[in-house]
């Protein structure tokens, strides 16, 4: 990915995603863990506890950083109606939590208050919302199993499970699905190459299916055979639809043959362990039993980290007593079990398609390399395409209620 020092790219190599989706944004930095949680009720309880505190107690609960303290003067996030007075004087109600992708396949809730977030990336908030999708390029981990690219409709935090920096690439540069975030001329070039119209959604589908990890970032092999392209787009649409929980097709993901995971024994109030019995296809959650859980679901990893284990850790990690992070559900909520059943289904479906995805990107004759794209005038993309588009069509509130001048 950009910023990694390495040998110059060969002209006969597959292009980098960074060359073809030029505008990218570094991960968000929340700065304080208490502003994100798996359920919205917890965030409201934490907010109420914080605004009830005063002086030194409020500052300690806030967890100041170099970027944010209760005295920081910060404007509102685009599209969010939150206070802009210094948080030391805040006494109002909790802002409405919003959904974010806190990690691979892990949507949680965030307090969308700019005064609480160290690095919020406002340029992403400006273009979020239907039909926007975000391609989240995972940080490179040598030899690690898992996809190089994930897709989400929720605003992504963008950090890979192994802690490596990734990149967030919006599919569109403007709200409302306008101006694809692609090198100018790329879609027309591909349409002529493959003898069919190629849209931004087709491009995203191909990258979901075909992107390969490398030290420089995702590489995107482009086939010479139109039939391979069509097959890859079809596969990528199915994979993306599963990742988006059926948002593209309108049908929730389901395992084939009528199989579905069930709760065989209820998850206890305070589970602390997660284990898997491969012979019985049983997931043991602190004594609660879920089955059948296909091995593909248990073994599915991103950045070398097992997704199910990380999802569980995000909900059961111990917190410092007395801190805002320690405020949470008194017992394991039923909705978490429902989310876990959905996650098992998603991971099983994706894992079962991994051999198909790997075969798609096998080396083939006639591939479109960087030299062909340069000859067509696609590469290098113009410098302006690497920066956010000017999308401000309304006033945004700055610190202390002043309007921002952009």
Protein backbone atom coordinates (compact mmCIF):
# COMPACT_ATOMS: atom_id res chain seq x y z
CA UNK A 1 0.00 0.00 0.00
CA UNK A 2 1.07 3.62 -0.39
CA UNK A 3 3.79 4.66 2.00
CA UNK A 4 5.57 1.28 1.94
CA UNK A 5 9.09 1.53 0.58
CA UNK A 6 9.77 -1.21 -1.96
CA UNK A 7 11.24 -1.80 -5.40
CA UNK A 8 9.58 -0.01 -8.33
CA UNK A 9 6.51 -1.76 -9.70
CA UNK A 10 7.11 -3.86 -12.80
CA UNK A 11 5.16 -2.91 -15.91
CA UNK A 12 4.07 -6.52 -16.43
CA UNK A 13 2.73 -6.83 -12.86
CA UNK A 14 -0.97 -6.67 -11.96
CA UNK A 15 -1.92 -3.10 -11.01
CA UNK A 16 -2.34 -2.04 -7.41
CA UNK A 17 -5.77 -1.21 -6.08
CA UNK A 18 -4.17 2.06 -5.00
CA UNK A 19 -3.56 2.90 -8.65
CA UNK A 20 -7.10 2.08 -9.77
CA UNK A 21 -9.13 3.36 -6.77
CA UNK A 22 -6.96 6.43 -6.15
CA UNK A 23 -8.76 8.12 -3.26
CA UNK A 24 -8.17 6.30 0.00
CA UNK A 25 -8.34 7.26 3.65
CA UNK A 26 -6.34 5.94 6.59
CA UNK A 27 -8.20 4.16 9.42
CA UNK A 28 -10.18 6.09 11.99
CA UNK A 29 -8.72 6.40 15.47
CA UNK A 30 -11.42 6.37 18.13
CA UNK A 31 -8.92 7.24 20.86
CA UNK A 32 -11.04 6.01 23.76
CA UNK A 33 -12.66 2.57 23.79
CA UNK A 34 -15.78 3.56 25.70
CA UNK A 35 -17.32 5.45 22.73
CA UNK A 36 -17.94 2.21 20.80
CA UNK A 37 -19.98 -0.78 22.01
CA UNK A 38 -21.87 -3.78 20.64
CA UNK A 39 -25.21 -2.31 21.77
CA UNK A 40 -26.61 1.23 21.79
CA UNK A 41 -28.04 1.00 25.34
CA UNK A 42 -24.54 0.68 26.73
CA UNK A 43 -23.43 3.88 24.99
CA UNK A 44 -26.36 5.83 26.39
CA UNK A 45 -25.57 4.59 29.89
CA UNK A 46 -21.92 5.57 29.52
CA UNK A 47 -22.86 9.04 28.24
CA UNK A 48 -25.23 9.61 31.15
CA UNK A 49 -22.54 8.59 33.62
CA UNK A 50 -20.02 10.95 32.03
CA UNK A 51 -22.22 14.06 31.86
CA UNK A 52 -23.31 13.45 35.46
CA UNK A 53 -19.67 13.77 36.54
CA UNK A 54 -17.93 17.11 37.00
CA UNK A 55 -14.42 18.53 37.11
CA UNK A 56 -11.59 16.08 37.68
CA UNK A 57 -13.91 13.06 37.72
CA UNK A 58 -15.31 13.94 34.29
CA UNK A 59 -11.82 14.40 32.89
CA UNK A 60 -10.65 11.04 34.27
CA UNK A 61 -13.68 9.21 32.88
CA UNK A 62 -13.25 10.98 29.54
CA UNK A 63 -9.72 9.57 29.11
CA UNK A 64 -7.94 12.59 27.59
CA UNK A 65 -5.42 12.15 24.80
CA UNK A 66 -3.16 14.51 22.87
CA UNK A 67 -5.92 14.87 20.28
CA UNK A 68 -8.94 15.24 22.57
CA UNK A 69 -9.62 16.52 26.08
CA UNK A 70 -12.85 17.85 27.60
CA UNK A 71 -11.56 21.33 26.72
CA UNK A 72 -11.01 20.62 23.00
CA UNK A 73 -12.81 22.92 20.56
CA UNK A 74 -14.14 20.77 17.72
CA UNK A 75 -16.80 21.13 15.01
CA UNK A 76 -19.65 18.69 14.42
CA UNK A 77 -19.18 15.70 12.17
CA UNK A 78 -20.82 16.01 8.75
CA UNK A 79 -24.43 14.87 8.88
CA UNK A 80 -24.49 14.61 12.68
CA UNK A 81 -26.40 16.82 15.10
CA UNK A 82 -24.15 16.85 18.13
CA UNK A 83 -22.98 19.58 20.44
CA UNK A 84 -20.00 21.76 19.59
CA UNK A 85 -19.50 23.41 22.96
CA UNK A 86 -16.45 22.18 24.84
CA UNK A 87 -17.27 18.84 26.41
CA UNK A 88 -16.32 20.12 29.84
CA UNK A 89 -19.61 22.07 29.73
CA UNK A 90 -21.73 19.36 28.08
CA UNK A 91 -24.96 18.49 29.92
CA UNK A 92 -27.32 17.47 27.11
CA UNK A 93 -28.79 14.12 26.08
CA UNK A 94 -26.84 11.35 24.40
CA UNK A 95 -26.47 11.71 20.63
CA UNK A 96 -28.06 8.97 18.57
CA UNK A 97 -25.49 6.14 18.17
CA UNK A 98 -24.60 5.11 14.60
CA UNK A 99 -23.51 1.78 13.16
CA UNK A 100 -19.83 1.33 12.33
CA UNK A 101 -17.71 -1.60 11.18
CA UNK A 102 -15.48 -1.96 14.24
CA UNK A 103 -13.64 -4.87 12.68
CA UNK A 104 -14.12 -7.54 10.02
CA UNK A 105 -17.77 -8.68 10.08
CA UNK A 106 -18.34 -6.88 13.40
CA UNK A 107 -20.80 -4.01 13.22
CA UNK A 108 -21.07 -2.13 16.50
CA UNK A 109 -22.38 1.26 17.66
CA UNK A 110 -20.46 4.54 17.96
CA UNK A 111 -21.18 7.87 19.63
CA UNK A 112 -20.85 10.16 16.57
CA UNK A 113 -19.52 13.11 18.55
CA UNK A 114 -16.42 14.73 17.07
CA UNK A 115 -15.35 15.91 20.54
CA UNK A 116 -14.89 12.27 21.57
CA UNK A 117 -13.07 10.85 18.54
CA UNK A 118 -9.34 11.42 18.10
CA UNK A 119 -9.33 11.08 14.29
CA UNK A 120 -12.79 10.80 12.74
CA UNK A 121 -11.96 11.31 9.02
CA UNK A 122 -14.82 13.79 8.26
CA UNK A 123 -14.30 13.30 4.52
CA UNK A 124 -15.73 9.78 4.90
CA UNK A 125 -18.76 10.98 6.86
CA UNK A 126 -19.57 13.40 4.02
CA UNK A 127 -19.96 10.62 1.46
CA UNK A 128 -21.49 7.92 3.70
CA UNK A 129 -25.04 6.69 3.17
CA UNK A 130 -26.84 4.79 0.42
CA UNK A 131 -25.69 3.66 -2.08
CA UNK A 132 -22.13 4.14 -0.79
CA UNK A 133 -20.00 1.07 -0.12
CA UNK A 134 -16.54 1.02 1.39
CA UNK A 135 -13.76 -1.29 0.22
CA UNK A 136 -11.57 -1.92 3.27
CA UNK A 137 -8.06 -2.96 2.28
CA UNK A 138 -6.57 -5.12 4.99
CA UNK A 139 -3.09 -4.48 6.33
CA UNK A 140 -0.54 -6.86 4.86
CA UNK A 141 0.57 -9.72 7.13
CA UNK A 142 3.12 -12.06 5.48
CA UNK A 143 1.75 -15.57 5.09
CA UNK A 144 -1.55 -14.75 6.81
CA UNK A 145 -4.73 -16.42 5.61
CA UNK A 146 -7.80 -14.45 4.66
CA UNK A 147 -9.14 -12.00 2.09
CA UNK A 148 -7.15 -8.92 1.16
CA UNK A 149 -10.29 -6.81 0.76
CA UNK A 150 -13.62 -6.60 2.56
CA UNK A 151 -16.69 -4.53 1.75
CA UNK A 152 -19.13 -2.81 4.12
CA UNK A 153 -21.95 -0.30 3.93
CA UNK A 154 -21.33 0.88 7.50
CA UNK A 155 -18.67 3.49 8.12
CA UNK A 156 -15.53 1.37 8.72
CA UNK A 157 -12.95 1.92 11.42
CA UNK A 158 -10.53 0.39 8.93
CA UNK A 159 -8.04 -1.29 11.26
CA UNK A 160 -7.09 -4.84 10.43
CA UNK A 161 -7.32 -7.52 13.17
CA UNK A 162 -3.56 -7.91 13.41
CA UNK A 163 -3.18 -4.18 14.07
CA UNK A 164 -1.59 -3.43 10.70
CA UNK A 165 -2.67 -0.20 9.00
CA UNK A 166 -5.12 -0.63 6.17
CA UNK A 167 -6.86 1.76 3.77
CA UNK A 168 -10.51 2.69 3.33
CA UNK A 169 -11.62 3.25 -0.28
CA UNK A 170 -15.15 4.62 -0.85
CA UNK A 171 -16.72 3.31 -4.05
CA UNK A 172 -18.05 6.79 -4.86
CA UNK A 173 -16.42 10.18 -4.39
CA UNK A 174 -19.71 12.05 -3.94
CA UNK A 175 -22.97 11.36 -2.06
CA UNK A 176 -25.78 9.64 -3.90
CA UNK A 177 -23.55 7.22 -5.81
CA UNK A 178 -22.02 9.92 -8.00
CA UNK A 179 -18.50 9.87 -9.48
CA UNK A 180 -16.94 6.44 -8.98
CA UNK A 181 -13.66 6.48 -7.09
CA UNK A 182 -11.79 4.99 -10.03
CA UNK A 183 -8.97 6.05 -12.31
CA UNK A 184 -10.57 8.16 -15.07
CA UNK A 185 -11.36 6.08 -18.14
CA UNK A 186 -10.99 2.71 -16.39
CA UNK A 187 -14.63 1.61 -16.71
CA UNK A 188 -14.75 2.51 -20.42
CA UNK A 189 -11.47 0.68 -21.01
CA UNK A 190 -12.74 -2.46 -19.30
CA UNK A 191 -16.07 -2.27 -21.12
CA UNK A 192 -14.33 -2.25 -24.48
CA UNK A 193 -11.92 -4.95 -23.38
CA UNK A 194 -14.66 -7.34 -22.25
CA UNK A 195 -17.36 -6.40 -24.75
CA UNK A 196 -19.95 -5.41 -22.16
CA UNK A 197 -20.87 -2.43 -20.04
CA UNK A 198 -18.85 -2.27 -16.82
CA UNK A 199 -20.20 -0.24 -13.91
CA UNK A 200 -18.74 0.71 -10.55
CA UNK A 201 -20.58 -2.15 -8.83
CA UNK A 202 -19.09 -4.61 -11.36
CA UNK A 203 -15.64 -3.28 -10.59
CA UNK A 204 -16.15 -3.66 -6.85
CA UNK A 205 -17.47 -7.20 -7.30
CA UNK A 206 -14.38 -8.18 -9.30
CA UNK A 207 -12.01 -6.75 -6.69
CA UNK A 208 -13.81 -8.52 -3.83
CA UNK A 209 -13.29 -11.81 -5.68
CA UNK A 210 -9.84 -11.23 -7.15
CA UNK A 211 -7.79 -8.87 -4.94
CA UNK A 212 -4.49 -10.36 -3.78
CA UNK A 213 -2.36 -9.22 -0.82
CA UNK A 214 1.15 -7.88 -1.35
CA UNK A 215 3.61 -5.79 0.70
CA UNK A 216 2.70 -2.77 -1.45
CA UNK A 217 -1.05 -3.27 -0.93
CA UNK A 218 -3.79 -5.15 -2.76
CA UNK A 219 -3.04 -6.15 -6.32
CA UNK A 220 -5.94 -6.57 -8.74
CA UNK A 221 -5.28 -9.07 -11.56
CA UNK A 222 -7.33 -8.20 -14.64
CA UNK A 223 -7.98 -11.15 -16.97
CA UNK A 224 -7.66 -11.15 -20.72
CA UNK A 225 -10.61 -13.52 -21.15
CA UNK A 226 -14.05 -11.80 -21.01
CA UNK A 227 -15.61 -15.01 -19.69
CA UNK A 228 -13.23 -15.06 -16.73
CA UNK A 229 -14.15 -11.44 -16.02
CA UNK A 230 -17.87 -12.28 -16.13
CA UNK A 231 -17.41 -15.27 -13.83
CA UNK A 232 -15.39 -13.22 -11.39
CA UNK A 233 -17.95 -10.43 -11.29
CA UNK A 234 -20.72 -12.96 -10.64
CA UNK A 235 -18.71 -14.58 -7.84
CA UNK A 236 -17.77 -11.22 -6.36
CA UNK A 237 -21.38 -10.06 -6.30
CA UNK A 238 -22.33 -13.15 -4.32
CA UNK A 239 -19.43 -12.72 -1.91
CA UNK A 240 -20.18 -9.02 -1.44
CA UNK A 241 -23.86 -9.77 -0.87
CA UNK A 242 -22.96 -12.24 1.87
CA UNK A 243 -20.61 -9.72 3.50
CA UNK A 244 -23.39 -7.10 3.33
CA UNK A 245 -25.89 -9.53 4.91
CA UNK A 246 -28.04 -9.73 1.78
CA UNK A 247 -28.29 -5.99 1.13
CA UNK A 248 -27.69 -6.43 -2.61
CA UNK A 249 -30.11 -9.31 -3.21
CA UNK A 250 -32.67 -8.49 -0.55
CA UNK A 251 -32.34 -12.00 0.89
CA UNK A 252 -30.57 -12.83 4.15
CA UNK A 253 -27.68 -15.29 3.69
CA UNK A 254 -28.61 -18.92 4.34
CA UNK A 255 -26.63 -22.12 4.29
CA UNK A 256 -27.51 -24.54 1.46
CA UNK A 257 -29.63 -27.61 1.98
CA UNK A 258 -31.76 -26.09 4.73
CA UNK A 259 -28.91 -26.26 7.24
CA UNK A 260 -28.71 -23.52 9.84
CA UNK A 261 -26.95 -23.14 13.19
CA UNK A 262 -29.14 -23.50 16.28
CA UNK A 263 -28.67 -22.85 19.98
CA UNK A 264 -28.52 -26.31 21.59
CA UNK A 265 -27.76 -24.95 25.08
CA UNK A 266 -28.22 -21.33 26.13
CA UNK A 267 -25.19 -19.08 26.42
CA UNK A 268 -24.61 -18.30 30.13
CA UNK A 269 -24.79 -14.82 31.59
CA UNK A 270 -21.02 -14.31 31.67
CA UNK A 271 -19.21 -16.54 29.17
CA UNK A 272 -15.42 -16.27 29.27
CA UNK A 273 -14.29 -18.93 26.79
CA UNK A 274 -15.00 -19.99 23.23
CA UNK A 275 -13.98 -23.38 21.83
CA UNK A 276 -14.80 -25.53 18.83
CA UNK A 277 -15.43 -29.26 18.48
CA UNK A 278 -14.64 -30.07 14.86
CA UNK A 279 -15.98 -33.62 15.04
CA UNK A 280 -19.44 -32.56 16.22
CA UNK A 281 -19.35 -29.13 14.52
CA UNK A 282 -20.23 -27.55 17.86
CA UNK A 283 -19.27 -24.06 19.02
CA UNK A 284 -18.95 -23.91 22.81
CA UNK A 285 -19.53 -20.40 24.17
CA UNK A 286 -18.79 -20.65 27.88
CA UNK A 287 -20.92 -23.80 28.08
CA UNK A 288 -23.57 -22.58 25.68
CA UNK A 289 -23.67 -24.79 22.60
CA UNK A 290 -24.33 -23.80 18.99
CA UNK A 291 -24.42 -26.30 16.12
CA UNK A 292 -23.99 -27.16 13.37
CA UNK A 293 -21.09 -24.77 12.87
CA UNK A 294 -19.16 -25.73 9.72
CA UNK A 295 -15.39 -25.85 10.02
CA UNK A 296 -15.16 -23.12 7.34
CA UNK A 297 -16.84 -20.70 9.77
CA UNK A 298 -14.54 -21.51 12.70
CA UNK A 299 -11.40 -21.38 10.60
CA UNK A 300 -12.26 -18.20 8.69
CA UNK A 301 -9.55 -15.61 9.30
CA UNK A 302 -8.78 -12.05 8.30
CA UNK A 303 -5.18 -10.91 8.60
CA UNK A 304 -4.38 -14.27 10.15
CA UNK A 305 -6.83 -13.69 13.05
CA UNK A 306 -9.80 -16.00 13.56
CA UNK A 307 -12.91 -13.83 13.10
CA UNK A 308 -15.16 -15.68 15.57
CA UNK A 309 -12.62 -15.45 18.36
CA UNK A 310 -12.09 -11.73 17.82
CA UNK A 311 -15.84 -11.08 17.70
CA UNK A 312 -16.20 -12.87 21.05
CA UNK A 313 -13.22 -11.03 22.58
CA UNK A 314 -14.76 -7.66 21.66
CA UNK A 315 -17.73 -8.56 23.85
CA UNK A 316 -16.07 -10.26 26.80
CA UNK A 317 -12.71 -8.53 27.34
CA UNK A 318 -12.35 -7.39 30.96
CA UNK A 319 -12.49 -3.65 31.62
CA UNK A 320 -10.94 -1.51 34.32
CA UNK A 321 -13.34 -1.27 37.28
CA UNK A 322 -14.88 2.18 37.58
CA UNK A 323 -14.13 3.11 33.99
CA UNK A 324 -16.79 3.89 31.39
CA UNK A 325 -15.70 0.75 29.50
CA UNK A 326 -16.86 -1.28 32.51
CA UNK A 327 -20.45 -0.13 31.93
CA UNK A 328 -22.17 -2.78 29.84
CA UNK A 329 -24.95 -5.38 29.85
CA UNK A 330 -25.45 -7.19 33.14
CA UNK A 331 -25.71 -10.47 31.24
CA UNK A 332 -25.10 -11.77 27.73
CA UNK A 333 -27.93 -10.26 25.63
CA UNK A 334 -30.11 -12.47 23.45
CA UNK A 335 -29.38 -10.22 20.45
CA UNK A 336 -25.68 -11.10 20.69
CA UNK A 337 -26.57 -14.76 20.27
CA UNK A 338 -28.67 -13.88 17.21
CA UNK A 339 -25.76 -11.89 15.78
CA UNK A 340 -23.44 -14.83 16.42
CA UNK A 341 -25.74 -17.20 14.53
CA UNK A 342 -25.79 -14.79 11.59
CA UNK A 343 -22.01 -14.45 11.71
CA UNK A 344 -21.53 -18.22 11.64
CA UNK A 345 -23.68 -18.39 8.51
CA UNK A 346 -21.78 -15.56 6.80
CA UNK A 347 -18.36 -17.02 7.54
CA UNK A 348 -19.39 -20.54 6.51
CA UNK A 349 -20.67 -19.27 3.16
CA UNK A 350 -17.54 -17.22 2.50
CA UNK A 351 -15.19 -19.97 3.61
CA UNK A 352 -16.86 -22.48 1.31
CA UNK A 353 -16.17 -20.21 -1.68
CA UNK A 354 -12.47 -19.68 -0.94
CA UNK A 355 -11.26 -22.48 -3.31
CA UNK A 356 -13.38 -20.96 -6.08
CA UNK A 357 -11.96 -17.52 -5.39
CA UNK A 358 -8.39 -18.82 -5.36
CA UNK A 359 -8.87 -20.54 -8.72
CA UNK A 360 -10.22 -17.35 -10.24
CA UNK A 361 -6.97 -15.44 -9.83
CA UNK A 362 -4.63 -18.19 -11.05
CA UNK A 363 -2.11 -16.81 -13.56
CA UNK A 364 -3.53 -16.69 -17.08
CA UNK A 365 -2.35 -15.62 -20.50
CA UNK A 366 -3.39 -12.24 -21.84
CA UNK A 367 -3.82 -10.54 -18.48
CA UNK A 368 -4.15 -6.75 -18.43
CA UNK A 369 -0.97 -5.50 -16.80
CA UNK A 370 0.23 -2.07 -15.74
CA UNK A 371 1.89 -1.48 -19.12
CA UNK A 372 -1.42 -1.99 -20.96
CA UNK A 373 -3.17 0.42 -18.63
CA UNK A 374 -0.42 3.00 -19.08
CA UNK A 375 -0.63 2.67 -22.89
CA UNK A 376 -4.39 3.28 -22.65
CA UNK A 377 -3.79 6.42 -20.59
CA UNK A 378 -5.40 4.98 -17.45
CA UNK A 379 -2.16 5.01 -15.43
CA UNK A 380 -1.01 7.03 -13.74
CA UNK A 381 -4.25 8.44 -12.40
CA UNK A 382 -4.28 12.26 -12.20
CA UNK A 383 -3.15 13.66 -8.83
CA UNK A 384 -6.53 15.27 -8.17
CA UNK A 385 -8.21 11.85 -8.11
CA UNK A 386 -6.27 11.02 -4.94
CA UNK A 387 -7.97 13.77 -2.94
CA UNK A 388 -11.55 14.06 -1.67
CA UNK A 389 -14.04 15.72 -4.01
CA UNK A 390 -15.50 19.03 -2.91
CA UNK A 391 -18.94 17.87 -1.76
CA UNK A 392 -19.91 20.58 0.72
CA UNK A 393 -23.37 21.79 -0.29
CA UNK A 394 -24.48 22.98 3.15
CA UNK A 395 -23.01 24.68 6.19
CA UNK A 396 -21.29 22.57 8.82
CA UNK A 397 -21.23 23.68 12.42
CA UNK A 398 -17.80 24.42 13.80
CA UNK A 399 -16.58 24.79 17.40
CA UNK A 400 -18.84 26.67 19.82
CA UNK A 401 -21.65 26.89 17.26
CA UNK A 402 -19.71 28.81 14.63
CA UNK A 403 -20.17 27.76 11.01
CA UNK A 404 -17.14 26.25 9.31
CA UNK A 405 -15.61 27.95 6.31
CA UNK A 406 -14.33 25.46 3.75
